[in-house]
Amino acid sequence: MRNAIALAYWYNESRLFYSDIQRGAIHTARFDATDHRSLIEQVGAVEGMSVDGTTGTLYWTCASAAAVRAADLRALLQRRPHTPRTIVTLQHDDRPRGIDVDPCDRCVTTPTSELT
């Protein structure tokens, strides 16, 4: 790991998630540093992540694809085949960074495109 950028946690499952922007992957480990592994490969420049602990969904922003994506953590942690889905496709110039999911079923991102 050289460039860990995004960090999220799932408290009820005692798991951390982080992105390695150099490898373009999302990794996970338990709070006690066991079961460290790559969770999703080839995800691009992930700069923001958030876990919805109620649904077991990991959301992330991808600056290289100007999108917000999501994946079912329960499927991924059980090593079942699962394809992440694109939730929002943004304008090509948009570079989403931070993301948060709140209990009111709302998702918030922080874009970094320049305003003219």
PDB file of N, CA and C in Angstrom:
ATOM      1  N   MET A   1       0.842  -1.171   0.000  1.00  0.00           N
ATOM      2  CA  MET A   1       0.000   0.000   0.000  1.00  0.00           C
ATOM      3  C   MET A   1       0.889   1.237   0.000  1.00  0.00           C
ATOM      4  N   ARG A   2       0.617   2.125  -0.950  1.00  0.00           N
ATOM      5  CA  ARG A   2       1.410   3.351  -1.032  1.00  0.00           C
ATOM      6  C   ARG A   2       0.563   4.613  -0.939  1.00  0.00           C
ATOM      7  N   ASN A   3      -0.631   4.563  -1.472  1.00  0.00           N
ATOM      8  CA  ASN A   3      -1.461   5.761  -1.519  1.00  0.00           C
ATOM      9  C   ASN A   3      -2.872   5.487  -1.038  1.00  0.00           C
ATOM     10  N   ALA A   4      -3.045   5.240   0.243  1.00  0.00           N
ATOM     11  CA  ALA A   4      -4.382   5.067   0.811  1.00  0.00           C
ATOM     12  C   ALA A   4      -5.031   6.446   0.888  1.00  0.00           C
ATOM     13  N   ILE A   5      -6.148   6.601   0.224  1.00  0.00           N
ATOM     14  CA  ILE A   5      -6.805   7.903   0.154  1.00  0.00           C
ATOM     15  C   ILE A   5      -8.109   7.908   0.939  1.00  0.00           C
ATOM     16  N   ALA A   6      -9.052   7.070   0.553  1.00  0.00           N
ATOM     17  CA  ALA A   6     -10.361   7.037   1.199  1.00  0.00           C
ATOM     18  C   ALA A   6     -10.367   6.022   2.334  1.00  0.00           C
ATOM     19  N   LEU A   7     -11.147   6.311   3.359  1.00  0.00           N
ATOM     20  CA  LEU A   7     -11.258   5.422   4.503  1.00  0.00           C
ATOM     21  C   LEU A   7     -12.708   5.409   4.974  1.00  0.00           C
ATOM     22  N   ALA A   8     -13.224   4.206   5.245  1.00  0.00           N
ATOM     23  CA  ALA A   8     -14.575   4.049   5.788  1.00  0.00           C
ATOM     24  C   ALA A   8     -14.559   2.876   6.749  1.00  0.00           C
ATOM     25  N   TYR A   9     -15.573   2.787   7.580  1.00  0.00           N
ATOM     26  CA  TYR A   9     -15.653   1.662   8.508  1.00  0.00           C
ATOM     27  C   TYR A   9     -17.095   1.188   8.641  1.00  0.00           C
ATOM     28  N   TRP A  10     -17.239  -0.086   9.002  1.00  0.00           N
ATOM     29  CA  TRP A  10     -18.530  -0.701   9.273  1.00  0.00           C
ATOM     30  C   TRP A  10     -18.440  -1.197  10.698  1.00  0.00           C
ATOM     31  N   TYR A  11     -18.946  -0.403  11.614  1.00  0.00           N
ATOM     32  CA  TYR A  11     -18.770  -0.667  13.035  1.00  0.00           C
ATOM     33  C   TYR A  11     -19.337  -2.025  13.454  1.00  0.00           C
ATOM     34  N   ASN A  12     -20.562  -2.342  13.027  1.00  0.00           N
ATOM     35  CA  ASN A  12     -21.202  -3.589  13.448  1.00  0.00           C
ATOM     36  C   ASN A  12     -20.459  -4.832  12.985  1.00  0.00           C
ATOM     37  N   GLU A  13     -19.702  -4.720  11.907  1.00  0.00           N
ATOM     38  CA  GLU A  13     -18.926  -5.849  11.389  1.00  0.00           C
ATOM     39  C   GLU A  13     -17.444  -5.747  11.742  1.00  0.00           C
ATOM     40  N   SER A  14     -17.073  -4.700  12.477  1.00  0.00           N
ATOM     41  CA  SER A  14     -15.679  -4.464  12.895  1.00  0.00           C
ATOM     42  C   SER A  14     -14.713  -4.480  11.712  1.00  0.00           C
ATOM     43  N   ARG A  15     -15.057  -3.735  10.658  1.00  0.00           N
ATOM     44  CA  ARG A  15     -14.253  -3.720   9.439  1.00  0.00           C
ATOM     45  C   ARG A  15     -13.890  -2.314   9.022  1.00  0.00           C
ATOM     46  N   LEU A  16     -12.655  -2.176   8.511  1.00  0.00           N
ATOM     47  CA  LEU A  16     -12.183  -0.951   7.862  1.00  0.00           C
ATOM     48  C   LEU A  16     -12.116  -1.199   6.367  1.00  0.00           C
ATOM     49  N   PHE A  17     -12.327  -0.151   5.599  1.00  0.00           N
ATOM     50  CA  PHE A  17     -12.200  -0.201   4.148  1.00  0.00           C
ATOM     51  C   PHE A  17     -11.349   0.989   3.727  1.00  0.00           C
ATOM     52  N   TYR A  18     -10.445   0.782   2.793  1.00  0.00           N
ATOM     53  CA  TYR A  18      -9.639   1.892   2.301  1.00  0.00           C
ATOM     54  C   TYR A  18      -9.323   1.682   0.828  1.00  0.00           C
ATOM     55  N   SER A  19      -9.082   2.799   0.161  1.00  0.00           N
ATOM     56  CA  SER A  19      -8.736   2.728  -1.261  1.00  0.00           C
ATOM     57  C   SER A  19      -7.237   2.912  -1.420  1.00  0.00           C
ATOM     58  N   ASP A  20      -6.679   2.176  -2.337  1.00  0.00           N
ATOM     59  CA  ASP A  20      -5.282   2.335  -2.736  1.00  0.00           C
ATOM     60  C   ASP A  20      -5.335   2.931  -4.133  1.00  0.00           C
ATOM     61  N   ILE A  21      -5.124   4.231  -4.212  1.00  0.00           N
ATOM     62  CA  ILE A  21      -5.318   4.937  -5.475  1.00  0.00           C
ATOM     63  C   ILE A  21      -4.271   4.539  -6.527  1.00  0.00           C
ATOM     64  N   GLN A  22      -3.103   4.106  -6.079  1.00  0.00           N
ATOM     65  CA  GLN A  22      -2.078   3.689  -7.027  1.00  0.00           C
ATOM     66  C   GLN A  22      -2.459   2.371  -7.705  1.00  0.00           C
ATOM     67  N   ARG A  23      -3.035   1.451  -6.966  1.00  0.00           N
ATOM     68  CA  ARG A  23      -3.450   0.167  -7.522  1.00  0.00           C
ATOM     69  C   ARG A  23      -4.874   0.187  -8.064  1.00  0.00           C
ATOM     70  N   GLY A  24      -5.626   1.235  -7.740  1.00  0.00           N
ATOM     71  CA  GLY A  24      -7.003   1.322  -8.193  1.00  0.00           C
ATOM     72  C   GLY A  24      -7.874   0.244  -7.584  1.00  0.00           C
ATOM     73  N   ALA A  25      -7.711   0.018  -6.271  1.00  0.00           N
ATOM     74  CA  ALA A  25      -8.428  -1.058  -5.595  1.00  0.00           C
ATOM     75  C   ALA A  25      -8.965  -0.591  -4.249  1.00  0.00           C
ATOM     76  N   ILE A  26      -9.965  -1.321  -3.753  1.00  0.00           N
ATOM     77  CA  ILE A  26     -10.500  -1.106  -2.420  1.00  0.00           C
ATOM     78  C   ILE A  26     -10.146  -2.339  -1.597  1.00  0.00           C
ATOM     79  N   HIS A  27      -9.577  -2.101  -0.415  1.00  0.00           N
ATOM     80  CA  HIS A  27      -9.145  -3.176   0.469  1.00  0.00           C
ATOM     81  C   HIS A  27      -9.942  -3.141   1.766  1.00  0.00           C
ATOM     82  N   THR A  28      -9.885  -4.239   2.504  1.00  0.00           N
ATOM     83  CA  THR A  28     -10.559  -4.318   3.799  1.00  0.00           C
ATOM     84  C   THR A  28      -9.690  -5.079   4.795  1.00  0.00           C
ATOM     85  N   ALA A  29      -9.934  -4.792   6.062  1.00  0.00           N
ATOM     86  CA  ALA A  29      -9.307  -5.523   7.165  1.00  0.00           C
ATOM     87  C   ALA A  29     -10.208  -5.375   8.383  1.00  0.00           C
ATOM     88  N   ARG A  30     -10.087  -6.311   9.293  1.00  0.00           N
ATOM     89  CA  ARG A  30     -10.820  -6.206  10.560  1.00  0.00           C
ATOM     90  C   ARG A  30     -10.151  -5.149  11.434  1.00  0.00           C
ATOM     91  N   PHE A  31     -10.887  -4.650  12.427  1.00  0.00           N
ATOM     92  CA  PHE A  31     -10.344  -3.644  13.342  1.00  0.00           C
ATOM     93  C   PHE A  31      -9.072  -4.131  14.027  1.00  0.00           C
ATOM     94  N   ASP A  32      -8.943  -5.443  14.243  1.00  0.00           N
ATOM     95  CA  ASP A  32      -7.750  -5.980  14.911  1.00  0.00           C
ATOM     96  C   ASP A  32      -6.627  -6.306  13.916  1.00  0.00           C
ATOM     97  N   ALA A  33      -6.752  -5.814  12.676  1.00  0.00           N
ATOM     98  CA  ALA A  33      -5.751  -5.962  11.601  1.00  0.00           C
ATOM     99  C   ALA A  33      -5.665  -7.377  11.023  1.00  0.00           C
ATOM    100  N   THR A  34      -6.630  -8.236  11.306  1.00  0.00           N
ATOM    101  CA  THR A  34      -6.655  -9.560  10.691  1.00  0.00           C
ATOM    102  C   THR A  34      -7.527  -9.530   9.439  1.00  0.00           C
ATOM    103  N   ASP A  35      -7.485 -10.587   8.671  1.00  0.00           N
ATOM    104  CA  ASP A  35      -8.297 -10.757   7.456  1.00  0.00           C
ATOM    105  C   ASP A  35      -8.131  -9.579   6.488  1.00  0.00           C
ATOM    106  N   HIS A  36      -6.893  -9.160   6.292  1.00  0.00           N
ATOM    107  CA  HIS A  36      -6.598  -8.084   5.341  1.00  0.00           C
ATOM    108  C   HIS A  36      -6.618  -8.648   3.927  1.00  0.00           C
ATOM    109  N   ARG A  37      -7.411  -8.019   3.040  1.00  0.00           N
ATOM    110  CA  ARG A  37      -7.490  -8.507   1.667  1.00  0.00           C
ATOM    111  C   ARG A  37      -8.025  -7.440   0.730  1.00  0.00           C
ATOM    112  N   SER A  38      -7.778  -7.683  -0.541  1.00  0.00           N
ATOM    113  CA  SER A  38      -8.332  -6.826  -1.585  1.00  0.00           C
ATOM    114  C   SER A  38      -9.793  -7.204  -1.770  1.00  0.00           C
ATOM    115  N   LEU A  39     -10.653  -6.197  -1.824  1.00  0.00           N
ATOM    116  CA  LEU A  39     -12.089  -6.442  -1.927  1.00  0.00           C
ATOM    117  C   LEU A  39     -12.592  -6.239  -3.350  1.00  0.00           C
ATOM    118  N   ILE A  40     -12.178  -5.141  -3.972  1.00  0.00           N
ATOM    119  CA  ILE A  40     -12.607  -4.817  -5.340  1.00  0.00           C
ATOM    120  C   ILE A  40     -11.401  -4.276  -6.094  1.00  0.00           C
ATOM    121  N   GLU A  41     -11.133  -4.810  -7.266  1.00  0.00           N
ATOM    122  CA  GLU A  41     -10.022  -4.367  -8.112  1.00  0.00           C
ATOM    123  C   GLU A  41     -10.540  -3.457  -9.228  1.00  0.00           C
ATOM    124  N   GLN A  42      -9.654  -2.701  -9.822  1.00  0.00           N
ATOM    125  CA  GLN A  42      -9.926  -1.869 -10.995  1.00  0.00           C
ATOM    126  C   GLN A  42     -11.127  -0.937 -10.795  1.00  0.00           C
ATOM    127  N   VAL A  43     -11.063  -0.145  -9.713  1.00  0.00           N
ATOM    128  CA  VAL A  43     -12.149   0.794  -9.424  1.00  0.00           C
ATOM    129  C   VAL A  43     -11.795   2.237  -9.739  1.00  0.00           C
ATOM    130  N   GLY A  44     -10.592   2.488 -10.199  1.00  0.00           N
ATOM    131  CA  GLY A  44     -10.198   3.849 -10.550  1.00  0.00           C
ATOM    132  C   GLY A  44      -9.716   4.632  -9.341  1.00  0.00           C
ATOM    133  N   ALA A  45      -9.808   5.949  -9.432  1.00  0.00           N
ATOM    134  CA  ALA A  45      -9.307   6.861  -8.400  1.00  0.00           C
ATOM    135  C   ALA A  45     -10.378   7.108  -7.340  1.00  0.00           C
ATOM    136  N   VAL A  46     -10.463   6.229  -6.367  1.00  0.00           N
ATOM    137  CA  VAL A  46     -11.447   6.337  -5.286  1.00  0.00           C
ATOM    138  C   VAL A  46     -10.926   7.322  -4.245  1.00  0.00           C
ATOM    139  N   GLU A  47     -11.655   8.440  -4.078  1.00  0.00           N
ATOM    140  CA  GLU A  47     -11.217   9.473  -3.146  1.00  0.00           C
ATOM    141  C   GLU A  47     -12.153   9.661  -1.970  1.00  0.00           C
ATOM    142  N   GLY A  48     -13.308   9.040  -2.004  1.00  0.00           N
ATOM    143  CA  GLY A  48     -14.261   9.122  -0.898  1.00  0.00           C
ATOM    144  C   GLY A  48     -15.020   7.824  -0.778  1.00  0.00           C
ATOM    145  N   MET A  49     -15.280   7.393   0.464  1.00  0.00           N
ATOM    146  CA  MET A  49     -16.041   6.163   0.708  1.00  0.00           C
ATOM    147  C   MET A  49     -16.909   6.337   1.933  1.00  0.00           C
ATOM    148  N   SER A  50     -18.036   5.626   1.941  1.00  0.00           N
ATOM    149  CA  SER A  50     -18.918   5.614   3.093  1.00  0.00           C
ATOM    150  C   SER A  50     -19.686   4.297   3.105  1.00  0.00           C
ATOM    151  N   VAL A  51     -19.917   3.765   4.293  1.00  0.00           N
ATOM    152  CA  VAL A  51     -20.664   2.520   4.439  1.00  0.00           C
ATOM    153  C   VAL A  51     -22.045   2.821   4.993  1.00  0.00           C
ATOM    154  N   ASP A  52     -23.058   2.270   4.359  1.00  0.00           N
ATOM    155  CA  ASP A  52     -24.409   2.289   4.904  1.00  0.00           C
ATOM    156  C   ASP A  52     -24.543   1.001   5.706  1.00  0.00           C
ATOM    157  N   GLY A  53     -24.398   1.097   7.022  1.00  0.00           N
ATOM    158  CA  GLY A  53     -24.416  -0.073   7.881  1.00  0.00           C
ATOM    159  C   GLY A  53     -25.759  -0.774   7.931  1.00  0.00           C
ATOM    160  N   THR A  54     -26.829  -0.072   7.596  1.00  0.00           N
ATOM    161  CA  THR A  54     -28.155  -0.669   7.604  1.00  0.00           C
ATOM    162  C   THR A  54     -28.336  -1.649   6.451  1.00  0.00           C
ATOM    163  N   THR A  55     -27.871  -1.261   5.276  1.00  0.00           N
ATOM    164  CA  THR A  55     -28.050  -2.098   4.086  1.00  0.00           C
ATOM    165  C   THR A  55     -26.812  -2.920   3.750  1.00  0.00           C
ATOM    166  N   GLY A  56     -25.679  -2.590   4.375  1.00  0.00           N
ATOM    167  CA  GLY A  56     -24.443  -3.287   4.050  1.00  0.00           C
ATOM    168  C   GLY A  56     -23.898  -2.892   2.691  1.00  0.00           C
ATOM    169  N   THR A  57     -24.093  -1.631   2.329  1.00  0.00           N
ATOM    170  CA  THR A  57     -23.657  -1.123   1.027  1.00  0.00           C
ATOM    171  C   THR A  57     -22.475  -0.190   1.202  1.00  0.00           C
ATOM    172  N   LEU A  58     -21.452  -0.379   0.377  1.00  0.00           N
ATOM    173  CA  LEU A  58     -20.312   0.531   0.328  1.00  0.00           C
ATOM    174  C   LEU A  58     -20.517   1.467  -0.850  1.00  0.00           C
ATOM    175  N   TYR A  59     -20.475   2.775  -0.596  1.00  0.00           N
ATOM    176  CA  TYR A  59     -20.570   3.794  -1.642  1.00  0.00           C
ATOM    177  C   TYR A  59     -19.206   4.437  -1.786  1.00  0.00           C
ATOM    178  N   TRP A  60     -18.826   4.807  -3.002  1.00  0.00           N
ATOM    179  CA  TRP A  60     -17.566   5.514  -3.193  1.00  0.00           C
ATOM    180  C   TRP A  60     -17.652   6.450  -4.383  1.00  0.00           C
ATOM    181  N   THR A  61     -16.790   7.474  -4.330  1.00  0.00           N
ATOM    182  CA  THR A  61     -16.668   8.409  -5.441  1.00  0.00           C
ATOM    183  C   THR A  61     -15.467   7.996  -6.269  1.00  0.00           C
ATOM    184  N   CYS A  62     -15.611   8.122  -7.561  1.00  0.00           N
ATOM    185  CA  CYS A  62     -14.524   7.778  -8.473  1.00  0.00           C
ATOM    186  C   CYS A  62     -14.222   9.003  -9.315  1.00  0.00           C
ATOM    187  N   ALA A  63     -13.127   9.676  -9.021  1.00  0.00           N
ATOM    188  CA  ALA A  63     -12.766  10.892  -9.742  1.00  0.00           C
ATOM    189  C   ALA A  63     -12.393  10.599 -11.188  1.00  0.00           C
ATOM    190  N   SER A  64     -11.761   9.465 -11.444  1.00  0.00           N
ATOM    191  CA  SER A  64     -11.337   9.163 -12.810  1.00  0.00           C
ATOM    192  C   SER A  64     -12.511   8.846 -13.733  1.00  0.00           C
ATOM    193  N   ALA A  65     -13.641   8.418 -13.181  1.00  0.00           N
ATOM    194  CA  ALA A  65     -14.816   8.123 -13.998  1.00  0.00           C
ATOM    195  C   ALA A  65     -15.945   9.126 -13.760  1.00  0.00           C
ATOM    196  N   ALA A  66     -15.739  10.119 -12.898  1.00  0.00           N
ATOM    197  CA  ALA A  66     -16.762  11.115 -12.554  1.00  0.00           C
ATOM    198  C   ALA A  66     -18.074  10.427 -12.215  1.00  0.00           C
ATOM    199  N   ALA A  67     -18.029   9.546 -11.194  1.00  0.00           N
ATOM    200  CA  ALA A  67     -19.216   8.771 -10.833  1.00  0.00           C
ATOM    201  C   ALA A  67     -19.246   8.467  -9.349  1.00  0.00           C
ATOM    202  N   VAL A  68     -20.440   8.128  -8.885  1.00  0.00           N
ATOM    203  CA  VAL A  68     -20.628   7.570  -7.550  1.00  0.00           C
ATOM    204  C   VAL A  68     -21.051   6.125  -7.775  1.00  0.00           C
ATOM    205  N   ARG A  69     -20.360   5.197  -7.103  1.00  0.00           N
ATOM    206  CA  ARG A  69     -20.617   3.772  -7.296  1.00  0.00           C
ATOM    207  C   ARG A  69     -20.962   3.119  -5.964  1.00  0.00           C
ATOM    208  N   ALA A  70     -21.507   1.896  -6.050  1.00  0.00           N
ATOM    209  CA  ALA A  70     -21.901   1.171  -4.848  1.00  0.00           C
ATOM    210  C   ALA A  70     -21.708  -0.322  -5.052  1.00  0.00           C
ATOM    211  N   ALA A  71     -21.521  -1.029  -3.922  1.00  0.00           N
ATOM    212  CA  ALA A  71     -21.375  -2.484  -3.966  1.00  0.00           C
ATOM    213  C   ALA A  71     -21.948  -3.080  -2.686  1.00  0.00           C
ATOM    214  N   ASP A  72     -22.438  -4.296  -2.787  1.00  0.00           N
ATOM    215  CA  ASP A  72     -22.999  -5.046  -1.664  1.00  0.00           C
ATOM    216  C   ASP A  72     -21.853  -5.675  -0.871  1.00  0.00           C
ATOM    217  N   LEU A  73     -21.602  -5.147   0.324  1.00  0.00           N
ATOM    218  CA  LEU A  73     -20.489  -5.641   1.129  1.00  0.00           C
ATOM    219  C   LEU A  73     -20.694  -7.078   1.597  1.00  0.00           C
ATOM    220  N   ARG A  74     -21.919  -7.452   1.881  1.00  0.00           N
ATOM    221  CA  ARG A  74     -22.151  -8.822   2.345  1.00  0.00           C
ATOM    222  C   ARG A  74     -21.734  -9.830   1.282  1.00  0.00           C
ATOM    223  N   ALA A  75     -22.061  -9.551   0.035  1.00  0.00           N
ATOM    224  CA  ALA A  75     -21.674 -10.441  -1.067  1.00  0.00           C
ATOM    225  C   ALA A  75     -20.156 -10.461  -1.226  1.00  0.00           C
ATOM    226  N   LEU A  76     -19.545  -9.284  -1.203  1.00  0.00           N
ATOM    227  CA  LEU A  76     -18.095  -9.205  -1.393  1.00  0.00           C
ATOM    228  C   LEU A  76     -17.329  -9.878  -0.261  1.00  0.00           C
ATOM    229  N   LEU A  77     -17.773  -9.678   0.971  1.00  0.00           N
ATOM    230  CA  LEU A  77     -17.071 -10.270   2.104  1.00  0.00           C
ATOM    231  C   LEU A  77     -17.221 -11.795   2.139  1.00  0.00           C
ATOM    232  N   GLN A  78     -18.302 -12.292   1.551  1.00  0.00           N
ATOM    233  CA  GLN A  78     -18.493 -13.741   1.465  1.00  0.00           C
ATOM    234  C   GLN A  78     -17.899 -14.307   0.172  1.00  0.00           C
ATOM    235  N   ARG A  79     -17.207 -13.433  -0.568  1.00  0.00           N
ATOM    236  CA  ARG A  79     -16.525 -13.811  -1.822  1.00  0.00           C
ATOM    237  C   ARG A  79     -17.481 -14.353  -2.882  1.00  0.00           C
ATOM    238  N   ARG A  80     -18.712 -13.847  -2.845  1.00  0.00           N
ATOM    239  CA  ARG A  80     -19.674 -14.199  -3.892  1.00  0.00           C
ATOM    240  C   ARG A  80     -19.491 -13.234  -5.052  1.00  0.00           C
ATOM    241  N   PRO A  81     -19.733 -13.690  -6.270  1.00  0.00           N
ATOM    242  CA  PRO A  81     -19.605 -12.791  -7.425  1.00  0.00           C
ATOM    243  C   PRO A  81     -20.551 -11.595  -7.282  1.00  0.00           C
ATOM    244  N   HIS A  82     -20.017 -10.420  -7.492  1.00  0.00           N
ATOM    245  CA  HIS A  82     -20.821  -9.201  -7.378  1.00  0.00           C
ATOM    246  C   HIS A  82     -20.181  -8.117  -8.231  1.00  0.00           C
ATOM    247  N   THR A  83     -20.977  -7.459  -9.031  1.00  0.00           N
ATOM    248  CA  THR A  83     -20.494  -6.371  -9.866  1.00  0.00           C
ATOM    249  C   THR A  83     -20.951  -5.047  -9.264  1.00  0.00           C
ATOM    250  N   PRO A  84     -20.025  -4.157  -8.913  1.00  0.00           N
ATOM    251  CA  PRO A  84     -20.428  -2.838  -8.411  1.00  0.00           C
ATOM    252  C   PRO A  84     -21.297  -2.119  -9.444  1.00  0.00           C
ATOM    253  N   ARG A  85     -22.191  -1.283  -8.947  1.00  0.00           N
ATOM    254  CA  ARG A  85     -23.084  -0.551  -9.847  1.00  0.00           C
ATOM    255  C   ARG A  85     -22.816   0.944  -9.761  1.00  0.00           C
ATOM    256  N   THR A  86     -23.052   1.634 -10.857  1.00  0.00           N
ATOM    257  CA  THR A  86     -22.922   3.087 -10.887  1.00  0.00           C
ATOM    258  C   THR A  86     -24.245   3.683 -10.444  1.00  0.00           C
ATOM    259  N   ILE A  87     -24.195   4.502  -9.412  1.00  0.00           N
ATOM    260  CA  ILE A  87     -25.389   5.141  -8.862  1.00  0.00           C
ATOM    261  C   ILE A  87     -25.666   6.455  -9.579  1.00  0.00           C
ATOM    262  N   VAL A  88     -24.611   7.252  -9.768  1.00  0.00           N
ATOM    263  CA  VAL A  88     -24.731   8.562 -10.422  1.00  0.00           C
ATOM    264  C   VAL A  88     -23.548   8.742 -11.358  1.00  0.00           C
ATOM    265  N   THR A  89     -23.830   9.130 -12.584  1.00  0.00           N
ATOM    266  CA  THR A  89     -22.779   9.514 -13.520  1.00  0.00           C
ATOM    267  C   THR A  89     -22.804  11.034 -13.623  1.00  0.00           C
ATOM    268  N   LEU A  90     -21.676  11.643 -13.358  1.00  0.00           N
ATOM    269  CA  LEU A  90     -21.589  13.101 -13.351  1.00  0.00           C
ATOM    270  C   LEU A  90     -21.032  13.616 -14.672  1.00  0.00           C
ATOM    271  N   GLN A  91     -20.943  14.923 -14.788  1.00  0.00           N
ATOM    272  CA  GLN A  91     -20.350  15.537 -15.965  1.00  0.00           C
ATOM    273  C   GLN A  91     -18.874  15.164 -16.046  1.00  0.00           C
ATOM    274  N   HIS A  92     -18.334  15.119 -17.250  1.00  0.00           N
ATOM    275  CA  HIS A  92     -16.942  14.721 -17.454  1.00  0.00           C
ATOM    276  C   HIS A  92     -15.959  15.577 -16.645  1.00  0.00           C
ATOM    277  N   ASP A  93     -16.270  16.869 -16.493  1.00  0.00           N
ATOM    278  CA  ASP A  93     -15.379  17.776 -15.756  1.00  0.00           C
ATOM    279  C   ASP A  93     -15.491  17.637 -14.244  1.00  0.00           C
ATOM    280  N   ASP A  94     -16.528  16.973 -13.753  1.00  0.00           N
ATOM    281  CA  ASP A  94     -16.711  16.812 -12.306  1.00  0.00           C
ATOM    282  C   ASP A  94     -15.711  15.824 -11.750  1.00  0.00           C
ATOM    283  N   ARG A  95     -15.229  16.100 -10.575  1.00  0.00           N
ATOM    284  CA  ARG A  95     -14.296  15.215  -9.881  1.00  0.00           C
ATOM    285  C   ARG A  95     -14.811  15.027  -8.454  1.00  0.00           C
ATOM    286  N   PRO A  96     -15.742  14.090  -8.252  1.00  0.00           N
ATOM    287  CA  PRO A  96     -16.287  13.913  -6.905  1.00  0.00           C
ATOM    288  C   PRO A  96     -15.219  13.439  -5.932  1.00  0.00           C
ATOM    289  N   ARG A  97     -15.272  13.933  -4.721  1.00  0.00           N
ATOM    290  CA  ARG A  97     -14.253  13.564  -3.730  1.00  0.00           C
ATOM    291  C   ARG A  97     -14.900  12.912  -2.524  1.00  0.00           C
ATOM    292  N   GLY A  98     -15.337  13.694  -1.555  1.00  0.00           N
ATOM    293  CA  GLY A  98     -15.909  13.117  -0.346  1.00  0.00           C
ATOM    294  C   GLY A  98     -17.325  12.627  -0.554  1.00  0.00           C
ATOM    295  N   ILE A  99     -17.735  11.687   0.282  1.00  0.00           N
ATOM    296  CA  ILE A  99     -19.099  11.175   0.236  1.00  0.00           C
ATOM    297  C   ILE A  99     -19.493  10.761   1.643  1.00  0.00           C
ATOM    298  N   ASP A 100     -20.771  10.925   1.955  1.00  0.00           N
ATOM    299  CA  ASP A 100     -21.290  10.466   3.228  1.00  0.00           C
ATOM    300  C   ASP A 100     -22.709   9.977   3.013  1.00  0.00           C
ATOM    301  N   VAL A 101     -23.077   8.948   3.719  1.00  0.00           N
ATOM    302  CA  VAL A 101     -24.430   8.411   3.670  1.00  0.00           C
ATOM    303  C   VAL A 101     -25.014   8.589   5.064  1.00  0.00           C
ATOM    304  N   ASP A 102     -26.162   9.263   5.142  1.00  0.00           N
ATOM    305  CA  ASP A 102     -26.766   9.469   6.454  1.00  0.00           C
ATOM    306  C   ASP A 102     -27.979   8.556   6.639  1.00  0.00           C
ATOM    307  N   PRO A 103     -28.459   8.425   7.853  1.00  0.00           N
ATOM    308  CA  PRO A 103     -29.566   7.508   8.124  1.00  0.00           C
ATOM    309  C   PRO A 103     -30.890   7.906   7.472  1.00  0.00           C
ATOM    310  N   CYS A 104     -30.971   9.093   6.943  1.00  0.00           N
ATOM    311  CA  CYS A 104     -32.209   9.554   6.297  1.00  0.00           C
ATOM    312  C   CYS A 104     -32.260   9.185   4.824  1.00  0.00           C
ATOM    313  N   ASP A 105     -31.424   8.242   4.406  1.00  0.00           N
ATOM    314  CA  ASP A 105     -31.386   7.784   3.009  1.00  0.00           C
ATOM    315  C   ASP A 105     -30.965   8.871   2.040  1.00  0.00           C
ATOM    316  N   ARG A 106     -30.075   9.717   2.469  1.00  0.00           N
ATOM    317  CA  ARG A 106     -29.546  10.739   1.578  1.00  0.00           C
ATOM    318  C   ARG A 106     -28.060  10.545   1.415  1.00  0.00           C
ATOM    319  N   CYS A 107     -27.589  10.824   0.237  1.00  0.00           N
ATOM    320  CA  CYS A 107     -26.172  10.689  -0.076  1.00  0.00           C
ATOM    321  C   CYS A 107     -25.652  12.083  -0.430  1.00  0.00           C
ATOM    322  N   VAL A 108     -24.521  12.463   0.121  1.00  0.00           N
ATOM    323  CA  VAL A 108     -23.946  13.777  -0.126  1.00  0.00           C
ATOM    324  C   VAL A 108     -22.533  13.606  -0.652  1.00  0.00           C
ATOM    325  N   THR A 109     -22.187  14.315  -1.738  1.00  0.00           N
ATOM    326  CA  THR A 109     -20.830  14.299  -2.255  1.00  0.00           C
ATOM    327  C   THR A 109     -20.285  15.716  -2.291  1.00  0.00           C
ATOM    328  N   THR A 110     -18.981  15.848  -2.384  1.00  0.00           N
ATOM    329  CA  THR A 110     -18.345  17.147  -2.521  1.00  0.00           C
ATOM    330  C   THR A 110     -17.617  17.192  -3.844  1.00  0.00           C
ATOM    331  N   PRO A 111     -18.147  17.887  -4.844  1.00  0.00           N
ATOM    332  CA  PRO A 111     -17.473  17.975  -6.146  1.00  0.00           C
ATOM    333  C   PRO A 111     -16.282  18.913  -6.072  1.00  0.00           C
ATOM    334  N   THR A 112     -15.345  18.724  -7.002  1.00  0.00           N
ATOM    335  CA  THR A 112     -14.182  19.607  -7.034  1.00  0.00           C
ATOM    336  C   THR A 112     -14.022  20.299  -8.383  1.00  0.00           C
ATOM    337  N   SER A 113     -15.050  20.252  -9.231  1.00  0.00           N
ATOM    338  CA  SER A 113     -14.937  20.939 -10.519  1.00  0.00           C
ATOM    339  C   SER A 113     -14.906  22.446 -10.264  1.00  0.00           C
ATOM    340  N   GLU A 114     -14.227  23.141 -11.159  1.00  0.00           N
ATOM    341  CA  GLU A 114     -14.121  24.595 -10.996  1.00  0.00           C
ATOM    342  C   GLU A 114     -15.388  25.267 -11.482  1.00  0.00           C
ATOM    343  N   LEU A 115     -15.847  26.249 -10.727  1.00  0.00           N
ATOM    344  CA  LEU A 115     -17.015  27.011 -11.126  1.00  0.00           C
ATOM    345  C   LEU A 115     -16.553  28.217 -11.914  1.00  0.00           C
ATOM    346  N   THR A 116     -17.253  28.497 -12.999  1.00  0.00           N
ATOM    347  CA  THR A 116     -16.873  29.658 -13.811  1.00  0.00           C
ATOM    348  C   THR A 116     -17.907  30.732 -13.740  1.00  0.00           C
TER     349      THR A 116
END
